[in-house]
Amino acid sequence: MKQNNNLFRGCVPRLVLGLLKSGEGSGFELISRLENRGCVFFRQQEAAIYPVLHFLEHKGLVRVCLRRREDGRFRRCYRLTAKGKARLNKHKEPQRQEDVKK
């Protein structure tokens, strides 16, 4: 799958940050949360979420933690950082009229 750079600049990173606001999760868990909200893109292309997660990690917006599964193996999970929370809150602030006119 050829990556569309507009996805990384647009709404997908914010969508993933919003999912992580409600709690940490593995890539598979995040895909399930998206599917529950009606977004089936990542179910069809499951591997597509991982470049987004790596991008967010590289920017310092999420961090990886390891969670032990019942079978003793570890699963990577992703957690929102303080910087990620600030970025998410920044996007939720209503725009000022001066900013809209620019």
PDB file of N, CA and C in Angstrom:
ATOM      1  N   MET A   1       0.843  -1.180   0.000  1.00  0.00           N
ATOM      2  CA  MET A   1       0.000   0.000   0.000  1.00  0.00           C
ATOM      3  C   MET A   1       0.882   1.235   0.000  1.00  0.00           C
ATOM      4  N   LYS A   2       0.704   2.087  -0.968  1.00  0.00           N
ATOM      5  CA  LYS A   2       1.456   3.334  -1.031  1.00  0.00           C
ATOM      6  C   LYS A   2       0.875   4.301  -0.008  1.00  0.00           C
ATOM      7  N   GLN A   3       1.758   4.851   0.821  1.00  0.00           N
ATOM      8  CA  GLN A   3       1.297   5.762   1.862  1.00  0.00           C
ATOM      9  C   GLN A   3       0.964   7.112   1.260  1.00  0.00           C
ATOM     10  N   ASN A   4      -0.109   7.672   1.728  1.00  0.00           N
ATOM     11  CA  ASN A   4      -0.514   9.004   1.323  1.00  0.00           C
ATOM     12  C   ASN A   4      -0.056   9.967   2.406  1.00  0.00           C
ATOM     13  N   ASN A   5       0.910  10.825   2.087  1.00  0.00           N
ATOM     14  CA  ASN A   5       1.458  11.746   3.081  1.00  0.00           C
ATOM     15  C   ASN A   5       0.410  12.676   3.656  1.00  0.00           C
ATOM     16  N   ASN A   6      -0.671  12.923   2.912  1.00  0.00           N
ATOM     17  CA  ASN A   6      -1.732  13.776   3.443  1.00  0.00           C
ATOM     18  C   ASN A   6      -2.395  13.144   4.657  1.00  0.00           C
ATOM     19  N   LEU A   7      -2.395  11.798   4.734  1.00  0.00           N
ATOM     20  CA  LEU A   7      -2.961  11.138   5.901  1.00  0.00           C
ATOM     21  C   LEU A   7      -2.181  11.501   7.152  1.00  0.00           C
ATOM     22  N   PHE A   8      -0.848  11.634   7.011  1.00  0.00           N
ATOM     23  CA  PHE A   8      -0.020  11.948   8.164  1.00  0.00           C
ATOM     24  C   PHE A   8      -0.148  13.394   8.579  1.00  0.00           C
ATOM     25  N   ARG A   9      -0.514  14.270   7.669  1.00  0.00           N
ATOM     26  CA  ARG A   9      -0.671  15.677   8.010  1.00  0.00           C
ATOM     27  C   ARG A   9      -2.100  16.002   8.423  1.00  0.00           C
ATOM     28  N   GLY A  10      -3.008  15.135   8.103  1.00  0.00           N
ATOM     29  CA  GLY A  10      -4.425  15.421   8.283  1.00  0.00           C
ATOM     30  C   GLY A  10      -5.019  14.835   9.535  1.00  0.00           C
ATOM     31  N   CYS A  11      -6.161  14.226   9.345  1.00  0.00           N
ATOM     32  CA  CYS A  11      -6.986  13.831  10.482  1.00  0.00           C
ATOM     33  C   CYS A  11      -6.604  12.503  11.118  1.00  0.00           C
ATOM     34  N   VAL A  12      -5.891  11.626  10.424  1.00  0.00           N
ATOM     35  CA  VAL A  12      -5.619  10.303  10.979  1.00  0.00           C
ATOM     36  C   VAL A  12      -4.783  10.378  12.260  1.00  0.00           C
ATOM     37  N   PRO A  13      -3.686  11.143  12.311  1.00  0.00           N
ATOM     38  CA  PRO A  13      -2.964  11.226  13.585  1.00  0.00           C
ATOM     39  C   PRO A  13      -3.827  11.771  14.724  1.00  0.00           C
ATOM     40  N   ARG A  14      -4.650  12.772  14.432  1.00  0.00           N
ATOM     41  CA  ARG A  14      -5.544  13.311  15.475  1.00  0.00           C
ATOM     42  C   ARG A  14      -6.569  12.273  15.915  1.00  0.00           C
ATOM     43  N   LEU A  15      -7.039  11.494  14.971  1.00  0.00           N
ATOM     44  CA  LEU A  15      -7.998  10.435  15.294  1.00  0.00           C
ATOM     45  C   LEU A  15      -7.367   9.422  16.241  1.00  0.00           C
ATOM     46  N   VAL A  16      -6.142   9.009  15.954  1.00  0.00           N
ATOM     47  CA  VAL A  16      -5.445   8.044  16.802  1.00  0.00           C
ATOM     48  C   VAL A  16      -5.147   8.655  18.171  1.00  0.00           C
ATOM     49  N   LEU A  17      -4.729   9.922  18.213  1.00  0.00           N
ATOM     50  CA  LEU A  17      -4.508  10.588  19.501  1.00  0.00           C
ATOM     51  C   LEU A  17      -5.797  10.613  20.316  1.00  0.00           C
ATOM     52  N   GLY A  18      -6.908  10.892  19.651  1.00  0.00           N
ATOM     53  CA  GLY A  18      -8.197  10.908  20.342  1.00  0.00           C
ATOM     54  C   GLY A  18      -8.561   9.553  20.925  1.00  0.00           C
ATOM     55  N   LEU A  19      -8.230   8.491  20.195  1.00  0.00           N
ATOM     56  CA  LEU A  19      -8.482   7.145  20.708  1.00  0.00           C
ATOM     57  C   LEU A  19      -7.639   6.867  21.948  1.00  0.00           C
ATOM     58  N   LEU A  20      -6.400   7.311  21.911  1.00  0.00           N
ATOM     59  CA  LEU A  20      -5.501   7.060  23.041  1.00  0.00           C
ATOM     60  C   LEU A  20      -5.850   7.906  24.255  1.00  0.00           C
ATOM     61  N   LYS A  21      -6.615   8.962  24.063  1.00  0.00           N
ATOM     62  CA  LYS A  21      -7.037   9.789  25.199  1.00  0.00           C
ATOM     63  C   LYS A  21      -7.888   8.969  26.171  1.00  0.00           C
ATOM     64  N   SER A  22      -8.631   8.012  25.632  1.00  0.00           N
ATOM     65  CA  SER A  22      -9.481   7.183  26.488  1.00  0.00           C
ATOM     66  C   SER A  22      -8.721   6.019  27.105  1.00  0.00           C
ATOM     67  N   GLY A  23      -7.443   5.888  26.792  1.00  0.00           N
ATOM     68  CA  GLY A  23      -6.631   4.837  27.404  1.00  0.00           C
ATOM     69  C   GLY A  23      -5.681   4.203  26.415  1.00  0.00           C
ATOM     70  N   GLU A  24      -4.635   3.603  26.963  1.00  0.00           N
ATOM     71  CA  GLU A  24      -3.629   2.964  26.119  1.00  0.00           C
ATOM     72  C   GLU A  24      -4.230   1.787  25.364  1.00  0.00           C
ATOM     73  N   GLY A  25      -3.530   1.390  24.298  1.00  0.00           N
ATOM     74  CA  GLY A  25      -4.003   0.236  23.541  1.00  0.00           C
ATOM     75  C   GLY A  25      -2.966  -0.237  22.539  1.00  0.00           C
ATOM     76  N   SER A  26      -3.082  -1.490  22.179  1.00  0.00           N
ATOM     77  CA  SER A  26      -2.222  -2.048  21.138  1.00  0.00           C
ATOM     78  C   SER A  26      -2.777  -1.612  19.785  1.00  0.00           C
ATOM     79  N   GLY A  27      -2.001  -1.827  18.751  1.00  0.00           N
ATOM     80  CA  GLY A  27      -2.476  -1.495  17.409  1.00  0.00           C
ATOM     81  C   GLY A  27      -3.784  -2.186  17.096  1.00  0.00           C
ATOM     82  N   PHE A  28      -3.879  -3.479  17.433  1.00  0.00           N
ATOM     83  CA  PHE A  28      -5.104  -4.235  17.179  1.00  0.00           C
ATOM     84  C   PHE A  28      -6.284  -3.662  17.960  1.00  0.00           C
ATOM     85  N   GLU A  29      -6.046  -3.292  19.213  1.00  0.00           N
ATOM     86  CA  GLU A  29      -7.119  -2.705  20.024  1.00  0.00           C
ATOM     87  C   GLU A  29      -7.582  -1.365  19.452  1.00  0.00           C
ATOM     88  N   LEU A  30      -6.634  -0.577  18.960  1.00  0.00           N
ATOM     89  CA  LEU A  30      -6.996   0.709  18.369  1.00  0.00           C
ATOM     90  C   LEU A  30      -7.813   0.506  17.094  1.00  0.00           C
ATOM     91  N   ILE A  31      -7.452  -0.494  16.300  1.00  0.00           N
ATOM     92  CA  ILE A  31      -8.231  -0.809  15.099  1.00  0.00           C
ATOM     93  C   ILE A  31      -9.652  -1.198  15.488  1.00  0.00           C
ATOM     94  N   SER A  32      -9.793  -1.988  16.540  1.00  0.00           N
ATOM     95  CA  SER A  32     -11.132  -2.384  17.006  1.00  0.00           C
ATOM     96  C   SER A  32     -11.944  -1.183  17.469  1.00  0.00           C
ATOM     97  N   ARG A  33     -11.294  -0.249  18.171  1.00  0.00           N
ATOM     98  CA  ARG A  33     -11.993   0.969  18.612  1.00  0.00           C
ATOM     99  C   ARG A  33     -12.458   1.784  17.414  1.00  0.00           C
ATOM    100  N   LEU A  34     -11.587   1.895  16.411  1.00  0.00           N
ATOM    101  CA  LEU A  34     -11.971   2.623  15.192  1.00  0.00           C
ATOM    102  C   LEU A  34     -13.153   1.947  14.506  1.00  0.00           C
ATOM    103  N   GLU A  35     -13.102   0.640  14.430  1.00  0.00           N
ATOM    104  CA  GLU A  35     -14.185  -0.104  13.792  1.00  0.00           C
ATOM    105  C   GLU A  35     -15.499   0.102  14.545  1.00  0.00           C
ATOM    106  N   ASN A  36     -15.434   0.131  15.862  1.00  0.00           N
ATOM    107  CA  ASN A  36     -16.639   0.374  16.666  1.00  0.00           C
ATOM    108  C   ASN A  36     -17.224   1.756  16.416  1.00  0.00           C
ATOM    109  N   ARG A  37     -16.379   2.674  15.948  1.00  0.00           N
ATOM    110  CA  ARG A  37     -16.842   4.039  15.628  1.00  0.00           C
ATOM    111  C   ARG A  37     -17.214   4.182  14.164  1.00  0.00           C
ATOM    112  N   GLY A  38     -17.181   3.067  13.419  1.00  0.00           N
ATOM    113  CA  GLY A  38     -17.619   3.097  12.028  1.00  0.00           C
ATOM    114  C   GLY A  38     -16.517   3.261  11.004  1.00  0.00           C
ATOM    115  N   CYS A  39     -15.265   3.299  11.420  1.00  0.00           N
ATOM    116  CA  CYS A  39     -14.143   3.451  10.492  1.00  0.00           C
ATOM    117  C   CYS A  39     -13.580   2.066  10.173  1.00  0.00           C
ATOM    118  N   VAL A  40     -13.828   1.587   8.970  1.00  0.00           N
ATOM    119  CA  VAL A  40     -13.391   0.238   8.602  1.00  0.00           C
ATOM    120  C   VAL A  40     -12.103   0.237   7.780  1.00  0.00           C
ATOM    121  N   PHE A  41     -11.557   1.406   7.453  1.00  0.00           N
ATOM    122  CA  PHE A  41     -10.347   1.474   6.635  1.00  0.00           C
ATOM    123  C   PHE A  41      -9.216   0.643   7.235  1.00  0.00           C
ATOM    124  N   PHE A  42      -8.979   0.799   8.542  1.00  0.00           N
ATOM    125  CA  PHE A  42      -7.867   0.100   9.162  1.00  0.00           C
ATOM    126  C   PHE A  42      -8.130  -1.391   9.311  1.00  0.00           C
ATOM    127  N   ARG A  43      -9.377  -1.802   9.351  1.00  0.00           N
ATOM    128  CA  ARG A  43      -9.682  -3.231   9.385  1.00  0.00           C
ATOM    129  C   ARG A  43      -9.296  -3.849   8.048  1.00  0.00           C
ATOM    130  N   GLN A  44      -9.544  -3.124   6.975  1.00  0.00           N
ATOM    131  CA  GLN A  44      -9.217  -3.628   5.645  1.00  0.00           C
ATOM    132  C   GLN A  44      -7.716  -3.600   5.405  1.00  0.00           C
ATOM    133  N   GLN A  45      -7.031  -2.648   5.960  1.00  0.00           N
ATOM    134  CA  GLN A  45      -5.587  -2.482   5.794  1.00  0.00           C
ATOM    135  C   GLN A  45      -4.952  -2.383   7.182  1.00  0.00           C
ATOM    136  N   GLU A  46      -4.985  -3.477   7.939  1.00  0.00           N
ATOM    137  CA  GLU A  46      -4.559  -3.438   9.342  1.00  0.00           C
ATOM    138  C   GLU A  46      -3.169  -2.858   9.535  1.00  0.00           C
ATOM    139  N   ALA A  47      -2.259  -3.150   8.640  1.00  0.00           N
ATOM    140  CA  ALA A  47      -0.885  -2.670   8.791  1.00  0.00           C
ATOM    141  C   ALA A  47      -0.784  -1.156   8.638  1.00  0.00           C
ATOM    142  N   ALA A  48      -1.810  -0.504   8.112  1.00  0.00           N
ATOM    143  CA  ALA A  48      -1.758   0.936   7.858  1.00  0.00           C
ATOM    144  C   ALA A  48      -1.705   1.758   9.136  1.00  0.00           C
ATOM    145  N   ILE A  49      -2.148   1.214  10.253  1.00  0.00           N
ATOM    146  CA  ILE A  49      -2.139   1.996  11.496  1.00  0.00           C
ATOM    147  C   ILE A  49      -0.729   2.110  12.074  1.00  0.00           C
ATOM    148  N   TYR A  50       0.111   1.147  11.786  1.00  0.00           N
ATOM    149  CA  TYR A  50       1.435   1.146  12.409  1.00  0.00           C
ATOM    150  C   TYR A  50       2.335   2.292  11.937  1.00  0.00           C
ATOM    151  N   PRO A  51       2.334   2.667  10.665  1.00  0.00           N
ATOM    152  CA  PRO A  51       3.105   3.863  10.292  1.00  0.00           C
ATOM    153  C   PRO A  51       2.612   5.125  11.010  1.00  0.00           C
ATOM    154  N   VAL A  52       1.315   5.211  11.256  1.00  0.00           N
ATOM    155  CA  VAL A  52       0.764   6.365  11.977  1.00  0.00           C
ATOM    156  C   VAL A  52       1.269   6.355  13.413  1.00  0.00           C
ATOM    157  N   LEU A  53       1.246   5.183  14.045  1.00  0.00           N
ATOM    158  CA  LEU A  53       1.728   5.068  15.420  1.00  0.00           C
ATOM    159  C   LEU A  53       3.223   5.372  15.513  1.00  0.00           C
ATOM    160  N   HIS A  54       4.003   4.894  14.553  1.00  0.00           N
ATOM    161  CA  HIS A  54       5.441   5.180  14.546  1.00  0.00           C
ATOM    162  C   HIS A  54       5.698   6.669  14.332  1.00  0.00           C
ATOM    163  N   PHE A  55       4.914   7.292  13.468  1.00  0.00           N
ATOM    164  CA  PHE A  55       5.018   8.734  13.226  1.00  0.00           C
ATOM    165  C   PHE A  55       4.748   9.508  14.521  1.00  0.00           C
ATOM    166  N   LEU A  56       3.679   9.133  15.213  1.00  0.00           N
ATOM    167  CA  LEU A  56       3.325   9.806  16.466  1.00  0.00           C
ATOM    168  C   LEU A  56       4.385   9.577  17.539  1.00  0.00           C
ATOM    169  N   GLU A  57       4.960   8.371  17.562  1.00  0.00           N
ATOM    170  CA  GLU A  57       6.033   8.081  18.518  1.00  0.00           C
ATOM    171  C   GLU A  57       7.264   8.930  18.205  1.00  0.00           C
ATOM    172  N   HIS A  58       7.606   9.021  16.939  1.00  0.00           N
ATOM    173  CA  HIS A  58       8.760   9.820  16.515  1.00  0.00           C
ATOM    174  C   HIS A  58       8.588  11.293  16.907  1.00  0.00           C
ATOM    175  N   LYS A  59       7.369  11.791  16.837  1.00  0.00           N
ATOM    176  CA  LYS A  59       7.076  13.184  17.205  1.00  0.00           C
ATOM    177  C   LYS A  59       6.973  13.384  18.715  1.00  0.00           C
ATOM    178  N   GLY A  60       7.026  12.281  19.489  1.00  0.00           N
ATOM    179  CA  GLY A  60       6.942  12.388  20.945  1.00  0.00           C
ATOM    180  C   GLY A  60       5.529  12.533  21.461  1.00  0.00           C
ATOM    181  N   LEU A  61       4.541  12.211  20.639  1.00  0.00           N
ATOM    182  CA  LEU A  61       3.140  12.366  21.035  1.00  0.00           C
ATOM    183  C   LEU A  61       2.579  11.113  21.696  1.00  0.00           C
ATOM    184  N   VAL A  62       3.189   9.968  21.410  1.00  0.00           N
ATOM    185  CA  VAL A  62       2.831   8.713  22.068  1.00  0.00           C
ATOM    186  C   VAL A  62       4.117   8.010  22.472  1.00  0.00           C
ATOM    187  N   ARG A  63       3.998   7.114  23.423  1.00  0.00           N
ATOM    188  CA  ARG A  63       5.147   6.287  23.786  1.00  0.00           C
ATOM    189  C   ARG A  63       4.708   4.837  23.835  1.00  0.00           C
ATOM    190  N   VAL A  64       5.665   3.980  23.626  1.00  0.00           N
ATOM    191  CA  VAL A  64       5.397   2.547  23.596  1.00  0.00           C
ATOM    192  C   VAL A  64       5.631   1.980  24.982  1.00  0.00           C
ATOM    193  N   CYS A  65       4.751   1.097  25.392  1.00  0.00           N
ATOM    194  CA  CYS A  65       4.942   0.355  26.627  1.00  0.00           C
ATOM    195  C   CYS A  65       4.699  -1.119  26.304  1.00  0.00           C
ATOM    196  N   LEU A  66       5.212  -1.984  27.129  1.00  0.00           N
ATOM    197  CA  LEU A  66       5.021  -3.418  26.927  1.00  0.00           C
ATOM    198  C   LEU A  66       4.043  -3.934  27.961  1.00  0.00           C
ATOM    199  N   ARG A  67       3.109  -4.727  27.514  1.00  0.00           N
ATOM    200  CA  ARG A  67       2.101  -5.307  28.393  1.00  0.00           C
ATOM    201  C   ARG A  67       2.188  -6.827  28.269  1.00  0.00           C
ATOM    202  N   ARG A  68       2.251  -7.503  29.393  1.00  0.00           N
ATOM    203  CA  ARG A  68       2.327  -8.962  29.378  1.00  0.00           C
ATOM    204  C   ARG A  68       0.937  -9.552  29.144  1.00  0.00           C
ATOM    205  N   ARG A  69       0.870 -10.429  28.158  1.00  0.00           N
ATOM    206  CA  ARG A  69      -0.389 -11.108  27.866  1.00  0.00           C
ATOM    207  C   ARG A  69      -0.546 -12.323  28.772  1.00  0.00           C
ATOM    208  N   GLU A  70      -1.714 -12.936  28.744  1.00  0.00           N
ATOM    209  CA  GLU A  70      -1.973 -14.118  29.574  1.00  0.00           C
ATOM    210  C   GLU A  70      -1.053 -15.277  29.240  1.00  0.00           C
ATOM    211  N   ASP A  71      -0.621 -15.367  27.978  1.00  0.00           N
ATOM    212  CA  ASP A  71       0.265 -16.468  27.585  1.00  0.00           C
ATOM    213  C   ASP A  71       1.732 -16.181  27.916  1.00  0.00           C
ATOM    214  N   GLY A  72       2.007 -15.062  28.590  1.00  0.00           N
ATOM    215  CA  GLY A  72       3.352 -14.729  29.001  1.00  0.00           C
ATOM    216  C   GLY A  72       4.129 -13.887  28.001  1.00  0.00           C
ATOM    217  N   ARG A  73       3.638 -13.793  26.782  1.00  0.00           N
ATOM    218  CA  ARG A  73       4.305 -12.979  25.773  1.00  0.00           C
ATOM    219  C   ARG A  73       3.978 -11.513  26.011  1.00  0.00           C
ATOM    220  N   PHE A  74       4.773 -10.655  25.398  1.00  0.00           N
ATOM    221  CA  PHE A  74       4.559  -9.224  25.552  1.00  0.00           C
ATOM    222  C   PHE A  74       3.895  -8.649  24.308  1.00  0.00           C
ATOM    223  N   ARG A  75       3.069  -7.655  24.534  1.00  0.00           N
ATOM    224  CA  ARG A  75       2.420  -6.930  23.436  1.00  0.00           C
ATOM    225  C   ARG A  75       2.781  -5.460  23.577  1.00  0.00           C
ATOM    226  N   ARG A  76       3.121  -4.863  22.438  1.00  0.00           N
ATOM    227  CA  ARG A  76       3.391  -3.418  22.423  1.00  0.00           C
ATOM    228  C   ARG A  76       2.066  -2.675  22.532  1.00  0.00           C
ATOM    229  N   CYS A  77       2.028  -1.716  23.402  1.00  0.00           N
ATOM    230  CA  CYS A  77       0.850  -0.863  23.473  1.00  0.00           C
ATOM    231  C   CYS A  77       1.324   0.584  23.432  1.00  0.00           C
ATOM    232  N   TYR A  78       0.421   1.446  23.119  1.00  0.00           N
ATOM    233  CA  TYR A  78       0.742   2.853  22.904  1.00  0.00           C
ATOM    234  C   TYR A  78      -0.017   3.692  23.912  1.00  0.00           C
ATOM    235  N   ARG A  79       0.671   4.708  24.426  1.00  0.00           N
ATOM    236  CA  ARG A  79       0.114   5.566  25.476  1.00  0.00           C
ATOM    237  C   ARG A  79       0.366   7.015  25.073  1.00  0.00           C
ATOM    238  N   LEU A  80      -0.613   7.854  25.311  1.00  0.00           N
ATOM    239  CA  LEU A  80      -0.506   9.280  25.021  1.00  0.00           C
ATOM    240  C   LEU A  80       0.480   9.931  25.984  1.00  0.00           C
ATOM    241  N   THR A  81       1.369  10.766  25.470  1.00  0.00           N
ATOM    242  CA  THR A  81       2.295  11.518  26.317  1.00  0.00           C
ATOM    243  C   THR A  81       1.666  12.869  26.668  1.00  0.00           C
ATOM    244  N   ALA A  82       2.319  13.595  27.553  1.00  0.00           N
ATOM    245  CA  ALA A  82       1.841  14.945  27.897  1.00  0.00           C
ATOM    246  C   ALA A  82       1.838  15.836  26.656  1.00  0.00           C
ATOM    247  N   LYS A  83       2.869  15.685  25.817  1.00  0.00           N
ATOM    248  CA  LYS A  83       2.941  16.453  24.576  1.00  0.00           C
ATOM    249  C   LYS A  83       1.782  16.074  23.650  1.00  0.00           C
ATOM    250  N   GLY A  84       1.433  14.794  23.622  1.00  0.00           N
ATOM    251  CA  GLY A  84       0.311  14.339  22.806  1.00  0.00           C
ATOM    252  C   GLY A  84      -1.019  14.889  23.301  1.00  0.00           C
ATOM    253  N   LYS A  85      -1.190  14.931  24.625  1.00  0.00           N
ATOM    254  CA  LYS A  85      -2.408  15.503  25.199  1.00  0.00           C
ATOM    255  C   LYS A  85      -2.521  16.980  24.859  1.00  0.00           C
ATOM    256  N   ALA A  86      -1.381  17.681  24.951  1.00  0.00           N
ATOM    257  CA  ALA A  86      -1.387  19.111  24.625  1.00  0.00           C
ATOM    258  C   ALA A  86      -1.740  19.325  23.159  1.00  0.00           C
ATOM    259  N   ARG A  87      -1.183  18.511  22.274  1.00  0.00           N
ATOM    260  CA  ARG A  87      -1.486  18.631  20.841  1.00  0.00           C
ATOM    261  C   ARG A  87      -2.971  18.365  20.580  1.00  0.00           C
ATOM    262  N   LEU A  88      -3.503  17.357  21.232  1.00  0.00           N
ATOM    263  CA  LEU A  88      -4.917  17.030  21.060  1.00  0.00           C
ATOM    264  C   LEU A  88      -5.798  18.164  21.556  1.00  0.00           C
ATOM    265  N   ASN A  89      -5.474  18.727  22.704  1.00  0.00           N
ATOM    266  CA  ASN A  89      -6.250  19.850  23.246  1.00  0.00           C
ATOM    267  C   ASN A  89      -6.132  21.089  22.376  1.00  0.00           C
ATOM    268  N   LYS A  90      -4.976  21.281  21.774  1.00  0.00           N
ATOM    269  CA  LYS A  90      -4.772  22.430  20.880  1.00  0.00           C
ATOM    270  C   LYS A  90      -5.734  22.354  19.695  1.00  0.00           C
ATOM    271  N   HIS A  91      -5.937  21.170  19.170  1.00  0.00           N
ATOM    272  CA  HIS A  91      -6.832  21.006  18.026  1.00  0.00           C
ATOM    273  C   HIS A  91      -8.299  21.122  18.411  1.00  0.00           C
ATOM    274  N   LYS A  92      -8.607  20.975  19.698  1.00  0.00           N
ATOM    275  CA  LYS A  92      -9.996  21.071  20.134  1.00  0.00           C
ATOM    276  C   LYS A  92     -10.405  22.493  20.493  1.00  0.00           C
ATOM    277  N   GLU A  93      -9.415  23.382  20.642  1.00  0.00           N
ATOM    278  CA  GLU A  93      -9.732  24.765  20.989  1.00  0.00           C
ATOM    279  C   GLU A  93     -10.507  25.423  19.855  1.00  0.00           C
ATOM    280  N   PRO A  94     -11.542  26.176  20.183  1.00  0.00           N
ATOM    281  CA  PRO A  94     -12.256  26.879  19.111  1.00  0.00           C
ATOM    282  C   PRO A  94     -11.360  27.938  18.485  1.00  0.00           C
ATOM    283  N   GLN A  95     -11.486  28.094  17.190  1.00  0.00           N
ATOM    284  CA  GLN A  95     -10.676  29.083  16.487  1.00  0.00           C
ATOM    285  C   GLN A  95     -11.201  30.481  16.756  1.00  0.00           C
ATOM    286  N   ARG A  96     -10.251  31.414  16.867  1.00  0.00           N
ATOM    287  CA  ARG A  96     -10.632  32.810  17.032  1.00  0.00           C
ATOM    288  C   ARG A  96     -11.032  33.367  15.683  1.00  0.00           C
ATOM    289  N   GLN A  97     -11.860  34.361  15.654  1.00  0.00           N
ATOM    290  CA  GLN A  97     -12.322  34.966  14.406  1.00  0.00           C
ATOM    291  C   GLN A  97     -11.148  35.492  13.581  1.00  0.00           C
ATOM    292  N   GLU A  98     -10.121  36.055  14.245  1.00  0.00           N
ATOM    293  CA  GLU A  98      -8.973  36.584  13.504  1.00  0.00           C
ATOM    294  C   GLU A  98      -8.273  35.473  12.743  1.00  0.00           C
ATOM    295  N   ASP A  99      -8.183  34.273  13.357  1.00  0.00           N
ATOM    296  CA  ASP A  99      -7.503  33.150  12.724  1.00  0.00           C
ATOM    297  C   ASP A  99      -8.292  32.642  11.524  1.00  0.00           C
ATOM    298  N   VAL A 100      -9.611  32.692  11.605  1.00  0.00           N
ATOM    299  CA  VAL A 100     -10.460  32.196  10.526  1.00  0.00           C
ATOM    300  C   VAL A 100     -10.334  33.097   9.300  1.00  0.00           C
ATOM    301  N   LYS A 101     -10.195  34.412   9.501  1.00  0.00           N
ATOM    302  CA  LYS A 101     -10.123  35.359   8.394  1.00  0.00           C
ATOM    303  C   LYS A 101      -8.816  35.265   7.624  1.00  0.00           C
ATOM    304  N   LYS A 102      -7.746  34.729   8.223  1.00  0.00           N
ATOM    305  CA  LYS A 102      -6.442  34.661   7.552  1.00  0.00           C
ATOM    306  C   LYS A 102      -6.438  33.719   6.382  1.00  0.00           C
TER     307      LYS A 102
END
